[in-house]
């Protein structure tokens, strides 16, 4: 499948059309576009990405808590992912999935474009996944809801690795610690509010859905901003380690 481009569109109305006046600047996926030159594998293109199988193998070979070290090499092929659900139980449905390639962000909404096919499109060129607490929350739920997609790629979990350099707490707390500010209208919105917004949307409140999409987008954009900062802190903290230290996982 050719990758889905992450192009600028606006929030969907009930009939799927865009409404730029009500929700400017929201990003949703455009249709799929063929790869220049018609190549099926990104490695076919000059200067392209490592084959998917190589990235998966690298993720298995390198110790999981060392995947952050792959960020500089794979950053151009990273996908930053955040989900919202109806609750905290493992079987609570996913309501929205936000994905960014570091330049554009799409938000896929349950019942309005969120599907295995759509996710496969936006993940087609992925070689590294970046999340915040994705190890314990996002990825297990995505694997269960959308099996067969490349959730086994190398994974830079900003929550897990951030704690190693003194960045504890939730995503918004880490953003504040590093001097990042959310839009005023989204300050104070958290996971519980996201679940409430979904319930309000189900009763016909379109404004609630637009607010939920903006919140998910802010989470994903936060990952994009935090990843290089947390990587740099990790790299500085590791500077005194033995540079010859074995990084390959053992059985």
C-alpha atoms as a PDB file:
ATOM      1  CA  UNK A   1       0.000   0.000   0.000  1.00  0.00           C
ATOM      2  CA  UNK A   2       1.286   3.450  -0.829  1.00  0.00           C
ATOM      3  CA  UNK A   3       1.693   5.672   2.247  1.00  0.00           C
ATOM      4  CA  UNK A   4      -1.017   8.129   3.170  1.00  0.00           C
ATOM      5  CA  UNK A   5       0.299  11.670   3.127  1.00  0.00           C
ATOM      6  CA  UNK A   6      -0.296  13.759   6.225  1.00  0.00           C
ATOM      7  CA  UNK A   7      -1.721  16.844   4.542  1.00  0.00           C
ATOM      8  CA  UNK A   8      -3.551  19.815   6.038  1.00  0.00           C
ATOM      9  CA  UNK A   9      -7.316  19.446   6.171  1.00  0.00           C
ATOM     10  CA  UNK A  10      -9.907  20.613   8.645  1.00  0.00           C
ATOM     11  CA  UNK A  11     -12.078  18.826  11.195  1.00  0.00           C
ATOM     12  CA  UNK A  12     -14.860  16.673   9.699  1.00  0.00           C
ATOM     13  CA  UNK A  13     -18.475  17.640   9.995  1.00  0.00           C
ATOM     14  CA  UNK A  14     -21.123  14.960  10.332  1.00  0.00           C
ATOM     15  CA  UNK A  15     -21.220  14.371   6.572  1.00  0.00           C
ATOM     16  CA  UNK A  16     -17.417  14.211   6.358  1.00  0.00           C
ATOM     17  CA  UNK A  17     -16.921  17.648   4.826  1.00  0.00           C
ATOM     18  CA  UNK A  18     -14.456  20.142   6.246  1.00  0.00           C
ATOM     19  CA  UNK A  19     -15.396  23.232   8.195  1.00  0.00           C
ATOM     20  CA  UNK A  20     -12.424  25.583   8.313  1.00  0.00           C
ATOM     21  CA  UNK A  21     -14.279  28.329  10.158  1.00  0.00           C
ATOM     22  CA  UNK A  22     -15.216  26.179  13.143  1.00  0.00           C
ATOM     23  CA  UNK A  23     -11.951  24.276  13.588  1.00  0.00           C
ATOM     24  CA  UNK A  24      -9.041  25.917  11.791  1.00  0.00           C
ATOM     25  CA  UNK A  25      -5.737  24.131  11.670  1.00  0.00           C
ATOM     26  CA  UNK A  26      -6.786  20.599  12.554  1.00  0.00           C
ATOM     27  CA  UNK A  27      -5.003  17.931  10.545  1.00  0.00           C
ATOM     28  CA  UNK A  28      -6.575  14.829   9.117  1.00  0.00           C
ATOM     29  CA  UNK A  29      -5.250  12.364   6.518  1.00  0.00           C
ATOM     30  CA  UNK A  30      -5.524  12.997   2.824  1.00  0.00           C
ATOM     31  CA  UNK A  31      -5.885  10.239   0.271  1.00  0.00           C
ATOM     32  CA  UNK A  32      -3.016   7.925  -0.511  1.00  0.00           C
ATOM     33  CA  UNK A  33      -0.500   9.029  -3.118  1.00  0.00           C
ATOM     34  CA  UNK A  34       1.846   6.727  -5.050  1.00  0.00           C
ATOM     35  CA  UNK A  35       5.511   6.796  -4.151  1.00  0.00           C
ATOM     36  CA  UNK A  36       7.611   8.803  -6.613  1.00  0.00           C
ATOM     37  CA  UNK A  37       9.076   6.412  -9.158  1.00  0.00           C
ATOM     38  CA  UNK A  38       6.557   3.709  -8.247  1.00  0.00           C
ATOM     39  CA  UNK A  39       8.839   1.916  -5.773  1.00  0.00           C
ATOM     40  CA  UNK A  40       7.121  -0.402  -3.301  1.00  0.00           C
ATOM     41  CA  UNK A  41       9.952  -0.524  -0.756  1.00  0.00           C
ATOM     42  CA  UNK A  42      11.351   2.761   0.596  1.00  0.00           C
ATOM     43  CA  UNK A  43      14.813   1.207   0.320  1.00  0.00           C
ATOM     44  CA  UNK A  44      14.308   1.137  -3.455  1.00  0.00           C
ATOM     45  CA  UNK A  45      14.550   4.931  -3.570  1.00  0.00           C
ATOM     46  CA  UNK A  46      18.012   6.478  -3.613  1.00  0.00           C
ATOM     47  CA  UNK A  47      18.808   7.685  -0.115  1.00  0.00           C
ATOM     48  CA  UNK A  48      15.663   5.940   1.130  1.00  0.00           C
ATOM     49  CA  UNK A  49      14.822   4.270   4.412  1.00  0.00           C
ATOM     50  CA  UNK A  50      16.215   1.000   5.690  1.00  0.00           C
ATOM     51  CA  UNK A  51      13.899  -1.893   4.839  1.00  0.00           C
ATOM     52  CA  UNK A  52      11.126  -2.515   7.341  1.00  0.00           C
ATOM     53  CA  UNK A  53      12.557  -5.929   8.188  1.00  0.00           C
ATOM     54  CA  UNK A  54      15.895  -4.350   9.069  1.00  0.00           C
ATOM     55  CA  UNK A  55      14.260  -1.837  11.414  1.00  0.00           C
ATOM     56  CA  UNK A  56      12.322  -4.620  13.129  1.00  0.00           C
ATOM     57  CA  UNK A  57      15.488  -6.686  13.490  1.00  0.00           C
ATOM     58  CA  UNK A  58      17.304  -3.701  14.937  1.00  0.00           C
ATOM     59  CA  UNK A  59      14.558  -3.290  17.506  1.00  0.00           C
ATOM     60  CA  UNK A  60      15.017  -6.906  18.561  1.00  0.00           C
ATOM     61  CA  UNK A  61      18.798  -6.718  18.710  1.00  0.00           C
ATOM     62  CA  UNK A  62      19.117  -3.505  20.706  1.00  0.00           C
ATOM     63  CA  UNK A  63      18.004  -3.607  24.319  1.00  0.00           C
ATOM     64  CA  UNK A  64      14.556  -2.082  24.697  1.00  0.00           C
ATOM     65  CA  UNK A  65      15.719   0.616  27.103  1.00  0.00           C
ATOM     66  CA  UNK A  66      18.404   1.589  24.573  1.00  0.00           C
ATOM     67  CA  UNK A  67      16.029   2.246  21.666  1.00  0.00           C
ATOM     68  CA  UNK A  68      16.320   5.976  22.349  1.00  0.00           C
ATOM     69  CA  UNK A  69      19.827   5.769  20.900  1.00  0.00           C
ATOM     70  CA  UNK A  70      18.302   4.993  17.485  1.00  0.00           C
ATOM     71  CA  UNK A  71      16.470   8.326  17.367  1.00  0.00           C
ATOM     72  CA  UNK A  72      19.108  10.352  15.444  1.00  0.00           C
ATOM     73  CA  UNK A  73      19.426   7.674  12.768  1.00  0.00           C
ATOM     74  CA  UNK A  74      15.701   6.950  12.411  1.00  0.00           C
ATOM     75  CA  UNK A  75      14.231  10.347  13.273  1.00  0.00           C
ATOM     76  CA  UNK A  76      13.351  11.081   9.639  1.00  0.00           C
ATOM     77  CA  UNK A  77      11.235   7.905   9.644  1.00  0.00           C
ATOM     78  CA  UNK A  78       9.685   8.260  13.102  1.00  0.00           C
ATOM     79  CA  UNK A  79       5.953   8.228  13.756  1.00  0.00           C
ATOM     80  CA  UNK A  80       4.759  10.000  16.892  1.00  0.00           C
ATOM     81  CA  UNK A  81       1.608   8.302  18.183  1.00  0.00           C
ATOM     82  CA  UNK A  82      -0.992   9.063  20.831  1.00  0.00           C
ATOM     83  CA  UNK A  83      -4.420   7.567  21.439  1.00  0.00           C
ATOM     84  CA  UNK A  84      -7.483   8.408  23.488  1.00  0.00           C
ATOM     85  CA  UNK A  85      -9.917   5.817  24.825  1.00  0.00           C
ATOM     86  CA  UNK A  86     -13.257   5.711  26.603  1.00  0.00           C
ATOM     87  CA  UNK A  87     -11.538   4.668  29.835  1.00  0.00           C
ATOM     88  CA  UNK A  88      -8.474   3.077  31.382  1.00  0.00           C
ATOM     89  CA  UNK A  89      -9.477  -0.587  31.147  1.00  0.00           C
ATOM     90  CA  UNK A  90      -7.561  -2.624  28.545  1.00  0.00           C
ATOM     91  CA  UNK A  91     -10.729  -3.370  26.565  1.00  0.00           C
ATOM     92  CA  UNK A  92     -12.070   0.198  26.549  1.00  0.00           C
ATOM     93  CA  UNK A  93     -12.416   1.238  22.888  1.00  0.00           C
ATOM     94  CA  UNK A  94      -9.980   3.606  21.199  1.00  0.00           C
ATOM     95  CA  UNK A  95     -11.738   6.807  20.189  1.00  0.00           C
ATOM     96  CA  UNK A  96      -9.040   8.724  18.299  1.00  0.00           C
ATOM     97  CA  UNK A  97      -5.502   8.035  17.134  1.00  0.00           C
ATOM     98  CA  UNK A  98      -3.094  10.877  16.416  1.00  0.00           C
ATOM     99  CA  UNK A  99      -0.041  10.266  14.232  1.00  0.00           C
ATOM    100  CA  UNK A 100       2.681  12.683  13.140  1.00  0.00           C
ATOM    101  CA  UNK A 101       5.714  12.293  10.917  1.00  0.00           C
ATOM    102  CA  UNK A 102       7.319  15.285  12.624  1.00  0.00           C
ATOM    103  CA  UNK A 103       5.991  17.726  10.036  1.00  0.00           C
ATOM    104  CA  UNK A 104       2.271  17.067   9.696  1.00  0.00           C
ATOM    105  CA  UNK A 105      -0.195  15.465  12.089  1.00  0.00           C
ATOM    106  CA  UNK A 106      -3.333  13.466  11.375  1.00  0.00           C
ATOM    107  CA  UNK A 107      -6.075  12.531  13.814  1.00  0.00           C
ATOM    108  CA  UNK A 108      -8.138   9.474  12.918  1.00  0.00           C
ATOM    109  CA  UNK A 109     -11.567   9.324  14.577  1.00  0.00           C
ATOM    110  CA  UNK A 110     -13.474   6.162  15.465  1.00  0.00           C
ATOM    111  CA  UNK A 111     -16.303   5.736  12.978  1.00  0.00           C
ATOM    112  CA  UNK A 112     -14.918   8.510  10.749  1.00  0.00           C
ATOM    113  CA  UNK A 113     -11.820   7.105   9.153  1.00  0.00           C
ATOM    114  CA  UNK A 114     -10.039   5.216  11.933  1.00  0.00           C
ATOM    115  CA  UNK A 115      -9.312   1.804  10.449  1.00  0.00           C
ATOM    116  CA  UNK A 116      -6.508  -0.690   9.999  1.00  0.00           C
ATOM    117  CA  UNK A 117      -6.189   0.422   6.375  1.00  0.00           C
ATOM    118  CA  UNK A 118      -5.843   4.097   7.301  1.00  0.00           C
ATOM    119  CA  UNK A 119      -3.262   3.330   9.991  1.00  0.00           C
ATOM    120  CA  UNK A 120      -1.334   1.093   7.610  1.00  0.00           C
ATOM    121  CA  UNK A 121      -1.147   4.027   5.227  1.00  0.00           C
ATOM    122  CA  UNK A 122       0.242   6.533   7.706  1.00  0.00           C
ATOM    123  CA  UNK A 123       2.663   3.948   9.130  1.00  0.00           C
ATOM    124  CA  UNK A 124       3.905   2.706   5.762  1.00  0.00           C
ATOM    125  CA  UNK A 125       7.238   4.552   5.970  1.00  0.00           C
ATOM    126  CA  UNK A 126       7.643   4.243   9.758  1.00  0.00           C
ATOM    127  CA  UNK A 127      10.879   2.827  11.139  1.00  0.00           C
ATOM    128  CA  UNK A 128      10.639   4.140  14.734  1.00  0.00           C
ATOM    129  CA  UNK A 129       7.634   4.688  17.016  1.00  0.00           C
ATOM    130  CA  UNK A 130       7.652   7.527  19.548  1.00  0.00           C
ATOM    131  CA  UNK A 131       5.071   7.601  22.345  1.00  0.00           C
ATOM    132  CA  UNK A 132       4.546   8.795  25.892  1.00  0.00           C
ATOM    133  CA  UNK A 133       3.831   5.741  28.046  1.00  0.00           C
ATOM    134  CA  UNK A 134       3.093   3.768  24.909  1.00  0.00           C
ATOM    135  CA  UNK A 135       4.776   0.719  26.445  1.00  0.00           C
ATOM    136  CA  UNK A 136       2.046   0.359  29.043  1.00  0.00           C
ATOM    137  CA  UNK A 137      -0.918   2.060  27.384  1.00  0.00           C
ATOM    138  CA  UNK A 138      -1.000   3.012  23.703  1.00  0.00           C
ATOM    139  CA  UNK A 139       0.804   0.132  22.008  1.00  0.00           C
ATOM    140  CA  UNK A 140      -0.908  -2.781  23.819  1.00  0.00           C
ATOM    141  CA  UNK A 141      -4.291  -1.308  22.892  1.00  0.00           C
ATOM    142  CA  UNK A 142      -3.261  -0.631  19.309  1.00  0.00           C
ATOM    143  CA  UNK A 143      -1.912  -4.173  18.927  1.00  0.00           C
ATOM    144  CA  UNK A 144      -5.200  -5.591  20.199  1.00  0.00           C
ATOM    145  CA  UNK A 145      -7.412  -3.326  18.079  1.00  0.00           C
ATOM    146  CA  UNK A 146      -5.309  -3.343  14.898  1.00  0.00           C
ATOM    147  CA  UNK A 147      -3.212  -6.528  14.779  1.00  0.00           C
ATOM    148  CA  UNK A 148      -0.762  -7.051  11.969  1.00  0.00           C
ATOM    149  CA  UNK A 149       0.496  -3.461  11.821  1.00  0.00           C
ATOM    150  CA  UNK A 150       4.150  -2.607  12.581  1.00  0.00           C
ATOM    151  CA  UNK A 151       3.775  -2.069  16.328  1.00  0.00           C
ATOM    152  CA  UNK A 152       6.988  -4.102  16.800  1.00  0.00           C
ATOM    153  CA  UNK A 153       9.251  -1.388  15.389  1.00  0.00           C
ATOM    154  CA  UNK A 154      11.927   0.192  17.596  1.00  0.00           C
ATOM    155  CA  UNK A 155      10.133   2.279  20.214  1.00  0.00           C
ATOM    156  CA  UNK A 156      11.264   5.441  21.981  1.00  0.00           C
ATOM    157  CA  UNK A 157       8.962   5.784  25.005  1.00  0.00           C
ATOM    158  CA  UNK A 158       9.422   9.351  26.258  1.00  0.00           C
ATOM    159  CA  UNK A 159       7.762   8.619  29.607  1.00  0.00           C
ATOM    160  CA  UNK A 160       9.936   5.613  30.438  1.00  0.00           C
ATOM    161  CA  UNK A 161      13.180   7.165  29.243  1.00  0.00           C
ATOM    162  CA  UNK A 162      12.346  10.623  30.549  1.00  0.00           C
ATOM    163  CA  UNK A 163      12.215   9.279  34.087  1.00  0.00           C
ATOM    164  CA  UNK A 164      15.836   8.227  33.700  1.00  0.00           C
ATOM    165  CA  UNK A 165      16.818  11.903  33.388  1.00  0.00           C
ATOM    166  CA  UNK A 166      14.539  13.345  36.070  1.00  0.00           C
ATOM    167  CA  UNK A 167      11.470  14.040  33.929  1.00  0.00           C
ATOM    168  CA  UNK A 168       8.681  12.390  35.877  1.00  0.00           C
ATOM    169  CA  UNK A 169       4.930  12.884  35.755  1.00  0.00           C
ATOM    170  CA  UNK A 170       2.523  12.985  32.855  1.00  0.00           C
ATOM    171  CA  UNK A 171       3.022  14.371  29.381  1.00  0.00           C
ATOM    172  CA  UNK A 172       1.832  17.873  30.215  1.00  0.00           C
ATOM    173  CA  UNK A 173       4.013  18.018  33.338  1.00  0.00           C
ATOM    174  CA  UNK A 174       7.079  17.077  31.283  1.00  0.00           C
ATOM    175  CA  UNK A 175       6.161  19.689  28.677  1.00  0.00           C
ATOM    176  CA  UNK A 176       5.986  22.357  31.390  1.00  0.00           C
ATOM    177  CA  UNK A 177       9.306  21.213  32.866  1.00  0.00           C
ATOM    178  CA  UNK A 178      10.934  21.770  29.484  1.00  0.00           C
ATOM    179  CA  UNK A 179       9.286  25.129  28.875  1.00  0.00           C
ATOM    180  CA  UNK A 180       6.597  24.053  26.412  1.00  0.00           C
ATOM    181  CA  UNK A 181       3.127  25.588  26.651  1.00  0.00           C
ATOM    182  CA  UNK A 182      -0.169  24.255  25.325  1.00  0.00           C
ATOM    183  CA  UNK A 183      -2.755  26.463  23.615  1.00  0.00           C
ATOM    184  CA  UNK A 184      -4.744  28.312  26.248  1.00  0.00           C
ATOM    185  CA  UNK A 185      -8.027  26.666  25.300  1.00  0.00           C
ATOM    186  CA  UNK A 186      -6.537  23.196  25.911  1.00  0.00           C
ATOM    187  CA  UNK A 187      -4.850  23.862  29.221  1.00  0.00           C
ATOM    188  CA  UNK A 188      -6.390  21.679  31.891  1.00  0.00           C
ATOM    189  CA  UNK A 189      -7.742  19.092  29.442  1.00  0.00           C
ATOM    190  CA  UNK A 190      -6.624  15.565  30.321  1.00  0.00           C
ATOM    191  CA  UNK A 191      -7.527  11.950  29.728  1.00  0.00           C
ATOM    192  CA  UNK A 192     -10.694  12.030  31.821  1.00  0.00           C
ATOM    193  CA  UNK A 193     -11.912  15.100  29.968  1.00  0.00           C
ATOM    194  CA  UNK A 194     -11.093  13.380  26.667  1.00  0.00           C
ATOM    195  CA  UNK A 195     -13.378  10.491  27.632  1.00  0.00           C
ATOM    196  CA  UNK A 196     -16.120  12.957  28.602  1.00  0.00           C
ATOM    197  CA  UNK A 197     -15.750  14.776  25.294  1.00  0.00           C
ATOM    198  CA  UNK A 198     -16.217  11.503  23.437  1.00  0.00           C
ATOM    199  CA  UNK A 199     -19.380  10.742  25.353  1.00  0.00           C
ATOM    200  CA  UNK A 200     -20.659  14.247  24.569  1.00  0.00           C
ATOM    201  CA  UNK A 201     -19.859  13.710  20.893  1.00  0.00           C
ATOM    202  CA  UNK A 202     -21.904  10.513  20.923  1.00  0.00           C
ATOM    203  CA  UNK A 203     -24.923  12.540  22.001  1.00  0.00           C
ATOM    204  CA  UNK A 204     -24.482  14.785  18.965  1.00  0.00           C
ATOM    205  CA  UNK A 205     -22.148  17.471  20.303  1.00  0.00           C
ATOM    206  CA  UNK A 206     -19.898  18.223  17.325  1.00  0.00           C
ATOM    207  CA  UNK A 207     -18.003  20.900  19.250  1.00  0.00           C
ATOM    208  CA  UNK A 208     -16.946  18.226  21.748  1.00  0.00           C
ATOM    209  CA  UNK A 209     -15.458  16.125  18.948  1.00  0.00           C
ATOM    210  CA  UNK A 210     -13.545  19.075  17.549  1.00  0.00           C
ATOM    211  CA  UNK A 211     -12.141  19.807  21.004  1.00  0.00           C
ATOM    212  CA  UNK A 212     -11.149  16.148  21.427  1.00  0.00           C
ATOM    213  CA  UNK A 213      -9.355  16.169  18.075  1.00  0.00           C
ATOM    214  CA  UNK A 214      -7.501  19.368  18.999  1.00  0.00           C
ATOM    215  CA  UNK A 215      -6.490  17.812  22.317  1.00  0.00           C
ATOM    216  CA  UNK A 216      -5.167  14.660  20.640  1.00  0.00           C
ATOM    217  CA  UNK A 217      -3.279  16.754  18.129  1.00  0.00           C
ATOM    218  CA  UNK A 218      -1.704  18.776  20.963  1.00  0.00           C
ATOM    219  CA  UNK A 219      -0.564  15.532  22.609  1.00  0.00           C
ATOM    220  CA  UNK A 220       1.082  14.343  19.397  1.00  0.00           C
ATOM    221  CA  UNK A 221       2.692  17.707  18.715  1.00  0.00           C
ATOM    222  CA  UNK A 222       4.038  17.575  22.267  1.00  0.00           C
ATOM    223  CA  UNK A 223       5.769  14.283  21.457  1.00  0.00           C
ATOM    224  CA  UNK A 224       7.394  15.848  18.405  1.00  0.00           C
ATOM    225  CA  UNK A 225       8.741  18.719  20.504  1.00  0.00           C
ATOM    226  CA  UNK A 226       9.853  16.563  23.444  1.00  0.00           C
ATOM    227  CA  UNK A 227      11.617  13.727  21.636  1.00  0.00           C
ATOM    228  CA  UNK A 228      14.815  15.600  20.659  1.00  0.00           C
ATOM    229  CA  UNK A 229      14.987  17.325  24.053  1.00  0.00           C
ATOM    230  CA  UNK A 230      14.693  14.062  25.978  1.00  0.00           C
ATOM    231  CA  UNK A 231      17.118  12.351  23.618  1.00  0.00           C
ATOM    232  CA  UNK A 232      19.677  15.104  24.212  1.00  0.00           C
ATOM    233  CA  UNK A 233      19.324  14.733  27.985  1.00  0.00           C
ATOM    234  CA  UNK A 234      19.748  10.986  27.721  1.00  0.00           C
ATOM    235  CA  UNK A 235      22.792  11.394  25.515  1.00  0.00           C
ATOM    236  CA  UNK A 236      24.402  13.827  27.948  1.00  0.00           C
ATOM    237  CA  UNK A 237      23.641  11.538  30.882  1.00  0.00           C
ATOM    238  CA  UNK A 238      25.224   8.635  29.017  1.00  0.00           C
ATOM    239  CA  UNK A 239      28.311  10.604  28.013  1.00  0.00           C
ATOM    240  CA  UNK A 240      30.299   9.248  30.959  1.00  0.00           C
ATOM    241  CA  UNK A 241      29.384   5.655  30.197  1.00  0.00           C
ATOM    242  CA  UNK A 242      31.872   3.341  28.549  1.00  0.00           C
ATOM    243  CA  UNK A 243      31.424   4.085  24.826  1.00  0.00           C
ATOM    244  CA  UNK A 244      32.209   0.467  24.096  1.00  0.00           C
ATOM    245  CA  UNK A 245      29.394  -0.782  26.325  1.00  0.00           C
ATOM    246  CA  UNK A 246      27.460  -3.636  24.735  1.00  0.00           C
ATOM    247  CA  UNK A 247      24.045  -2.476  23.556  1.00  0.00           C
ATOM    248  CA  UNK A 248      22.895  -5.679  21.888  1.00  0.00           C
ATOM    249  CA  UNK A 249      20.180  -7.589  23.694  1.00  0.00           C
ATOM    250  CA  UNK A 250      21.001 -11.045  24.983  1.00  0.00           C
ATOM    251  CA  UNK A 251      18.645 -13.982  24.986  1.00  0.00           C
END
